[in-house]
Amino acid sequence: MGLNHPNVGINYSAEFTISAIPWITSSTIPTESTEEFNFNHVTKWITVKNNTSGSLAAVGVTLNGVEKSWNYFTIAGGDSTTFDWRVVRLFVSSSEGIPNVSIAAGLTGIQAKYADALYNLTGSSGLSGIG
């Protein structure tokens, strides 16, 4: 009799109940530019802080959402926002000025490769408000 062990996938809730693995970076986003941040594991939460006064950073989960539509959040200089999102990538664009952003994320033990099917996020896939 074979063992049918469950895979640790995107809906494995135990990974979201324990402490997260820290992931931290800072980056300056040049004018009219977008940076993609890839996580090697699915996130439990993400905090983005814009460290540059007088600037605006646009944060979204797809490139189209940040560059071609209004499917993003803006974070003013000196402000931060925490997102309770299960994602494997994040896009940050310069909406005004040259923001320097710090990103802290809590990662689960779920590898990004197990989330690829779920996180092909696009507006054309029927997910309105994505991009």
N, C-alpha and C. Protein backbone atom coordinates (compact mmCIF):
# COMPACT_ATOMS: atom_id res chain seq x y z
N MET A 1 0.85 -1.17 0.00
CA MET A 1 0.00 0.00 0.00
C MET A 1 0.90 1.24 0.00
N GLY A 2 0.71 2.11 -0.98
CA GLY A 2 1.50 3.32 -1.07
C GLY A 2 0.99 4.40 -0.14
N LEU A 3 1.88 5.27 0.22
CA LEU A 3 1.50 6.41 1.05
C LEU A 3 1.19 7.59 0.15
N ASN A 4 0.10 8.24 0.45
CA ASN A 4 -0.31 9.39 -0.35
C ASN A 4 -0.19 10.64 0.53
N HIS A 5 1.05 11.09 0.72
CA HIS A 5 1.28 12.26 1.56
C HIS A 5 0.81 13.52 0.83
N PRO A 6 0.16 14.43 1.53
CA PRO A 6 -0.27 15.67 0.88
C PRO A 6 0.93 16.56 0.55
N ASN A 7 0.82 17.27 -0.56
CA ASN A 7 1.87 18.23 -0.93
C ASN A 7 1.70 19.50 -0.12
N VAL A 8 2.82 20.14 0.16
CA VAL A 8 2.76 21.44 0.82
C VAL A 8 2.49 22.46 -0.27
N GLY A 9 1.24 22.84 -0.42
CA GLY A 9 0.85 23.75 -1.48
C GLY A 9 0.34 25.06 -0.93
N ILE A 10 -0.22 25.85 -1.82
CA ILE A 10 -0.63 27.21 -1.50
C ILE A 10 -1.71 27.27 -0.43
N ASN A 11 -2.50 26.22 -0.29
CA ASN A 11 -3.57 26.22 0.70
C ASN A 11 -3.22 25.44 1.97
N TYR A 12 -1.96 25.15 2.17
CA TYR A 12 -1.51 24.44 3.36
C TYR A 12 -1.50 25.43 4.53
N SER A 13 -2.58 25.45 5.28
CA SER A 13 -2.81 26.49 6.29
C SER A 13 -1.79 26.49 7.42
N ALA A 14 -1.19 25.35 7.74
CA ALA A 14 -0.22 25.32 8.83
C ALA A 14 0.94 26.29 8.59
N GLU A 15 1.31 26.50 7.33
CA GLU A 15 2.41 27.41 7.01
C GLU A 15 2.06 28.87 7.33
N PHE A 16 0.77 29.18 7.40
CA PHE A 16 0.35 30.55 7.67
C PHE A 16 0.04 30.79 9.14
N THR A 17 0.19 29.76 9.98
CA THR A 17 -0.09 29.91 11.40
C THR A 17 1.18 30.01 12.24
N ILE A 18 2.32 29.69 11.66
CA ILE A 18 3.58 29.76 12.40
C ILE A 18 4.32 31.04 12.02
N SER A 19 5.36 31.35 12.76
CA SER A 19 6.16 32.54 12.47
C SER A 19 6.74 32.47 11.07
N ALA A 20 6.83 33.63 10.45
CA ALA A 20 7.32 33.72 9.08
C ALA A 20 8.84 33.80 9.03
N ILE A 21 9.40 33.44 7.88
CA ILE A 21 10.83 33.57 7.60
C ILE A 21 11.05 35.00 7.11
N PRO A 22 11.97 35.77 7.70
CA PRO A 22 12.13 37.17 7.29
C PRO A 22 12.82 37.32 5.93
N TRP A 23 12.36 38.31 5.18
CA TRP A 23 12.93 38.70 3.88
C TRP A 23 12.89 40.22 3.85
N ILE A 24 14.04 40.87 3.65
CA ILE A 24 14.12 42.33 3.72
C ILE A 24 15.04 42.86 2.62
N THR A 25 14.62 43.96 1.99
CA THR A 25 15.47 44.62 1.00
C THR A 25 15.08 46.09 0.92
N SER A 26 15.96 46.90 0.35
CA SER A 26 15.67 48.30 0.05
C SER A 26 16.15 48.57 -1.36
N SER A 27 15.45 49.45 -2.05
CA SER A 27 15.80 49.74 -3.43
C SER A 27 15.31 51.12 -3.81
N THR A 28 16.09 51.82 -4.62
CA THR A 28 15.68 53.10 -5.18
C THR A 28 15.05 52.83 -6.54
N ILE A 29 13.86 53.38 -6.75
CA ILE A 29 13.12 53.17 -8.00
C ILE A 29 13.30 54.40 -8.88
N PRO A 30 14.05 54.30 -9.97
CA PRO A 30 14.26 55.46 -10.84
C PRO A 30 12.95 55.97 -11.45
N THR A 31 12.95 57.23 -11.86
CA THR A 31 11.77 57.84 -12.48
C THR A 31 11.31 57.02 -13.68
N GLU A 32 10.00 56.85 -13.79
CA GLU A 32 9.36 56.11 -14.88
C GLU A 32 9.93 54.70 -15.02
N SER A 33 10.17 54.06 -13.89
CA SER A 33 10.73 52.72 -13.88
C SER A 33 9.92 51.83 -12.95
N THR A 34 9.95 50.53 -13.20
CA THR A 34 9.28 49.57 -12.36
C THR A 34 10.26 48.47 -11.98
N GLU A 35 10.28 48.13 -10.71
CA GLU A 35 11.13 47.04 -10.23
C GLU A 35 10.26 45.86 -9.85
N GLU A 36 10.72 44.66 -10.19
CA GLU A 36 10.03 43.43 -9.81
C GLU A 36 10.82 42.77 -8.68
N PHE A 37 10.12 42.41 -7.63
CA PHE A 37 10.71 41.72 -6.50
C PHE A 37 10.13 40.31 -6.46
N ASN A 38 10.99 39.31 -6.58
CA ASN A 38 10.56 37.92 -6.58
C ASN A 38 10.91 37.27 -5.26
N PHE A 39 9.96 36.55 -4.71
CA PHE A 39 10.17 35.83 -3.47
C PHE A 39 10.33 34.35 -3.80
N ASN A 40 11.27 33.66 -3.17
CA ASN A 40 11.46 32.25 -3.46
C ASN A 40 10.48 31.36 -2.70
N HIS A 41 9.70 31.97 -1.82
CA HIS A 41 8.62 31.28 -1.10
C HIS A 41 7.39 32.19 -1.11
N VAL A 42 6.23 31.62 -0.89
CA VAL A 42 4.98 32.37 -0.84
C VAL A 42 5.00 33.26 0.40
N THR A 43 4.52 34.49 0.25
CA THR A 43 4.51 35.42 1.38
C THR A 43 3.30 35.18 2.27
N LYS A 44 3.48 35.53 3.52
CA LYS A 44 2.39 35.54 4.51
C LYS A 44 1.90 36.98 4.66
N TRP A 45 2.82 37.92 4.59
CA TRP A 45 2.53 39.35 4.67
C TRP A 45 3.69 40.11 4.03
N ILE A 46 3.44 41.37 3.66
CA ILE A 46 4.46 42.23 3.06
C ILE A 46 4.25 43.64 3.60
N THR A 47 5.33 44.29 4.03
CA THR A 47 5.27 45.70 4.41
C THR A 47 6.17 46.48 3.46
N VAL A 48 5.62 47.54 2.88
CA VAL A 48 6.39 48.41 1.98
C VAL A 48 6.41 49.79 2.59
N LYS A 49 7.61 50.36 2.72
CA LYS A 49 7.77 51.72 3.24
C LYS A 49 8.48 52.56 2.19
N ASN A 50 7.92 53.73 1.94
CA ASN A 50 8.54 54.70 1.04
C ASN A 50 9.36 55.64 1.91
N ASN A 51 10.67 55.61 1.77
CA ASN A 51 11.58 56.38 2.61
C ASN A 51 11.88 57.79 2.10
N THR A 52 11.37 58.16 0.93
CA THR A 52 11.72 59.44 0.32
C THR A 52 10.55 60.41 0.37
N SER A 53 10.70 61.49 1.14
CA SER A 53 9.63 62.49 1.21
C SER A 53 9.43 63.14 -0.16
N GLY A 54 8.18 63.50 -0.45
CA GLY A 54 7.86 64.14 -1.72
C GLY A 54 7.75 63.19 -2.89
N SER A 55 7.80 61.89 -2.65
CA SER A 55 7.69 60.93 -3.74
C SER A 55 6.48 60.02 -3.51
N LEU A 56 6.08 59.34 -4.57
CA LEU A 56 5.01 58.36 -4.50
C LEU A 56 5.50 57.07 -5.13
N ALA A 57 5.26 55.95 -4.44
CA ALA A 57 5.58 54.63 -4.98
C ALA A 57 4.28 53.90 -5.25
N ALA A 58 4.17 53.29 -6.43
CA ALA A 58 3.00 52.48 -6.78
C ALA A 58 3.36 51.02 -6.55
N VAL A 59 2.49 50.29 -5.83
CA VAL A 59 2.75 48.89 -5.49
C VAL A 59 1.61 48.04 -6.01
N GLY A 60 1.94 46.98 -6.75
CA GLY A 60 0.93 46.08 -7.27
C GLY A 60 1.45 44.67 -7.43
N VAL A 61 0.57 43.77 -7.87
CA VAL A 61 0.95 42.36 -8.00
C VAL A 61 1.17 41.92 -9.44
N THR A 62 0.92 42.82 -10.41
CA THR A 62 1.24 42.52 -11.80
C THR A 62 1.91 43.75 -12.43
N LEU A 63 2.70 43.49 -13.45
CA LEU A 63 3.35 44.58 -14.17
C LEU A 63 2.30 45.47 -14.85
N ASN A 64 1.31 44.88 -15.50
CA ASN A 64 0.25 45.67 -16.14
C ASN A 64 -0.53 46.49 -15.12
N GLY A 65 -0.76 45.91 -13.96
CA GLY A 65 -1.51 46.62 -12.93
C GLY A 65 -0.81 47.89 -12.48
N VAL A 66 0.51 47.86 -12.47
CA VAL A 66 1.28 49.03 -12.02
C VAL A 66 1.54 50.00 -13.17
N GLU A 67 1.82 49.49 -14.37
CA GLU A 67 2.23 50.36 -15.47
C GLU A 67 1.09 50.80 -16.39
N LYS A 68 0.07 49.96 -16.58
CA LYS A 68 -0.92 50.24 -17.61
C LYS A 68 -2.33 50.46 -17.09
N SER A 69 -2.56 50.25 -15.83
CA SER A 69 -3.90 50.44 -15.29
C SER A 69 -3.80 51.05 -13.89
N TRP A 70 -4.91 51.18 -13.25
CA TRP A 70 -4.93 51.78 -11.91
C TRP A 70 -5.09 50.71 -10.84
N ASN A 71 -4.50 49.55 -11.04
CA ASN A 71 -4.63 48.44 -10.11
C ASN A 71 -3.39 48.37 -9.21
N TYR A 72 -3.23 49.42 -8.41
CA TYR A 72 -2.09 49.48 -7.50
C TYR A 72 -2.43 50.38 -6.32
N PHE A 73 -1.59 50.30 -5.30
CA PHE A 73 -1.66 51.20 -4.16
C PHE A 73 -0.54 52.21 -4.30
N THR A 74 -0.78 53.45 -3.90
CA THR A 74 0.32 54.41 -3.83
C THR A 74 0.70 54.62 -2.37
N ILE A 75 1.99 54.74 -2.16
CA ILE A 75 2.52 54.98 -0.82
C ILE A 75 3.35 56.24 -0.87
N ALA A 76 2.92 57.25 -0.11
CA ALA A 76 3.61 58.54 -0.08
C ALA A 76 4.90 58.42 0.73
N GLY A 77 5.80 59.36 0.48
CA GLY A 77 7.07 59.39 1.21
C GLY A 77 6.85 59.47 2.71
N GLY A 78 7.55 58.62 3.44
CA GLY A 78 7.43 58.57 4.89
C GLY A 78 6.36 57.62 5.40
N ASP A 79 5.51 57.11 4.49
CA ASP A 79 4.43 56.21 4.89
C ASP A 79 4.81 54.76 4.60
N SER A 80 4.10 53.86 5.27
CA SER A 80 4.26 52.43 5.00
C SER A 80 2.89 51.76 5.04
N THR A 81 2.79 50.63 4.36
CA THR A 81 1.56 49.85 4.32
C THR A 81 1.93 48.38 4.43
N THR A 82 1.11 47.64 5.19
CA THR A 82 1.30 46.19 5.29
C THR A 82 0.16 45.50 4.56
N PHE A 83 0.54 44.54 3.72
CA PHE A 83 -0.42 43.78 2.94
C PHE A 83 -0.44 42.34 3.43
N ASP A 84 -1.62 41.78 3.60
CA ASP A 84 -1.79 40.38 3.99
C ASP A 84 -2.04 39.59 2.72
N TRP A 85 -0.97 39.42 1.92
CA TRP A 85 -1.09 38.82 0.60
C TRP A 85 -0.25 37.56 0.49
N ARG A 86 -0.79 36.55 -0.20
CA ARG A 86 -0.04 35.34 -0.56
C ARG A 86 0.42 35.52 -2.00
N VAL A 87 1.61 36.01 -2.19
CA VAL A 87 2.14 36.24 -3.53
C VAL A 87 3.58 35.74 -3.62
N VAL A 88 4.08 35.66 -4.84
CA VAL A 88 5.47 35.27 -5.06
C VAL A 88 6.25 36.36 -5.79
N ARG A 89 5.56 37.44 -6.16
CA ARG A 89 6.25 38.59 -6.77
C ARG A 89 5.48 39.87 -6.46
N LEU A 90 6.21 40.97 -6.49
CA LEU A 90 5.64 42.28 -6.20
C LEU A 90 6.27 43.28 -7.15
N PHE A 91 5.48 44.23 -7.62
CA PHE A 91 5.98 45.25 -8.54
C PHE A 91 5.86 46.61 -7.86
N VAL A 92 6.94 47.40 -7.95
CA VAL A 92 6.95 48.74 -7.38
C VAL A 92 7.43 49.70 -8.46
N SER A 93 6.65 50.76 -8.67
CA SER A 93 6.95 51.74 -9.70
C SER A 93 7.07 53.13 -9.09
N SER A 94 7.79 53.99 -9.76
CA SER A 94 7.89 55.38 -9.37
C SER A 94 6.72 56.15 -9.98
N SER A 95 5.79 56.60 -9.12
CA SER A 95 4.67 57.41 -9.61
C SER A 95 5.01 58.89 -9.60
N GLU A 96 5.84 59.28 -8.66
CA GLU A 96 6.25 60.69 -8.53
C GLU A 96 7.59 60.73 -7.81
N GLY A 97 8.53 61.49 -8.34
CA GLY A 97 9.84 61.58 -7.72
C GLY A 97 10.62 60.28 -7.89
N ILE A 98 11.61 60.11 -7.02
CA ILE A 98 12.45 58.91 -7.03
C ILE A 98 12.37 58.26 -5.65
N PRO A 99 11.39 57.38 -5.45
CA PRO A 99 11.23 56.78 -4.12
C PRO A 99 12.31 55.75 -3.81
N ASN A 100 12.71 55.73 -2.57
CA ASN A 100 13.54 54.64 -2.04
C ASN A 100 12.61 53.84 -1.15
N VAL A 101 12.40 52.58 -1.49
CA VAL A 101 11.46 51.75 -0.74
C VAL A 101 12.19 50.66 0.02
N SER A 102 11.69 50.39 1.20
CA SER A 102 12.13 49.24 1.98
C SER A 102 10.99 48.26 2.00
N ILE A 103 11.31 47.00 1.75
CA ILE A 103 10.30 45.96 1.72
C ILE A 103 10.69 44.89 2.72
N ALA A 104 9.76 44.57 3.61
CA ALA A 104 9.93 43.47 4.55
C ALA A 104 8.80 42.50 4.29
N ALA A 105 9.12 41.23 4.18
CA ALA A 105 8.10 40.22 3.93
C ALA A 105 8.30 39.06 4.89
N GLY A 106 7.20 38.45 5.25
CA GLY A 106 7.23 37.22 6.01
C GLY A 106 6.94 36.08 5.06
N LEU A 107 7.90 35.18 4.91
CA LEU A 107 7.74 34.06 3.97
C LEU A 107 7.28 32.80 4.68
N THR A 108 6.49 32.03 3.98
CA THR A 108 6.08 30.71 4.47
C THR A 108 7.12 29.69 4.02
N GLY A 109 6.92 28.45 4.36
CA GLY A 109 7.80 27.38 3.89
C GLY A 109 7.37 26.82 2.55
N ILE A 110 6.36 27.44 1.93
CA ILE A 110 5.84 26.97 0.64
C ILE A 110 6.68 27.58 -0.48
N GLN A 111 7.38 26.73 -1.21
CA GLN A 111 8.24 27.22 -2.28
C GLN A 111 7.40 27.85 -3.40
N ALA A 112 7.98 28.85 -4.04
CA ALA A 112 7.26 29.58 -5.10
C ALA A 112 6.79 28.67 -6.22
N LYS A 113 7.54 27.62 -6.51
CA LYS A 113 7.16 26.73 -7.62
C LYS A 113 5.81 26.06 -7.38
N TYR A 114 5.38 25.92 -6.13
CA TYR A 114 4.09 25.32 -5.83
C TYR A 114 2.95 26.32 -5.98
N ALA A 115 3.27 27.58 -6.19
CA ALA A 115 2.25 28.62 -6.30
C ALA A 115 2.08 29.10 -7.73
N ASP A 116 2.88 28.61 -8.66
CA ASP A 116 2.83 29.10 -10.03
C ASP A 116 1.45 28.98 -10.67
N ALA A 117 0.76 27.87 -10.44
CA ALA A 117 -0.55 27.69 -11.05
C ALA A 117 -1.55 28.71 -10.51
N LEU A 118 -1.51 28.98 -9.22
CA LEU A 118 -2.43 29.92 -8.61
C LEU A 118 -2.05 31.36 -8.90
N TYR A 119 -0.78 31.65 -8.98
CA TYR A 119 -0.34 33.03 -9.07
C TYR A 119 0.04 33.48 -10.46
N ASN A 120 -0.66 32.97 -11.44
CA ASN A 120 -0.57 33.54 -12.77
C ASN A 120 -1.65 34.62 -12.81
N LEU A 121 -1.44 35.67 -12.01
CA LEU A 121 -2.44 36.71 -11.82
C LEU A 121 -2.49 37.66 -13.01
N THR A 122 -3.63 37.71 -13.67
CA THR A 122 -3.84 38.67 -14.75
C THR A 122 -5.31 39.08 -14.74
N GLY A 123 -5.58 40.24 -15.27
CA GLY A 123 -6.96 40.67 -15.42
C GLY A 123 -7.72 39.80 -16.40
N SER A 124 -7.03 39.29 -17.44
CA SER A 124 -7.70 38.46 -18.45
C SER A 124 -8.08 37.09 -17.90
N SER A 125 -7.55 36.71 -16.75
CA SER A 125 -7.92 35.40 -16.16
C SER A 125 -9.20 35.51 -15.35
N GLY A 126 -9.86 36.68 -15.41
CA GLY A 126 -11.12 36.86 -14.69
C GLY A 126 -10.97 37.49 -13.33
N LEU A 127 -9.77 37.86 -12.97
CA LEU A 127 -9.52 38.49 -11.69
C LEU A 127 -9.51 40.01 -11.88
N SER A 128 -10.67 40.63 -11.74
CA SER A 128 -10.75 42.07 -11.93
C SER A 128 -9.99 42.77 -10.80
N GLY A 129 -9.43 43.90 -11.09
CA GLY A 129 -8.68 44.66 -10.09
C GLY A 129 -7.23 44.22 -9.96
N ILE A 130 -6.78 43.33 -10.85
CA ILE A 130 -5.41 42.84 -10.79
C ILE A 130 -4.54 43.59 -11.79
N GLY A 131 -4.94 43.62 -13.04
CA GLY A 131 -4.14 44.34 -14.03
C GLY A 131 -4.14 43.71 -15.34
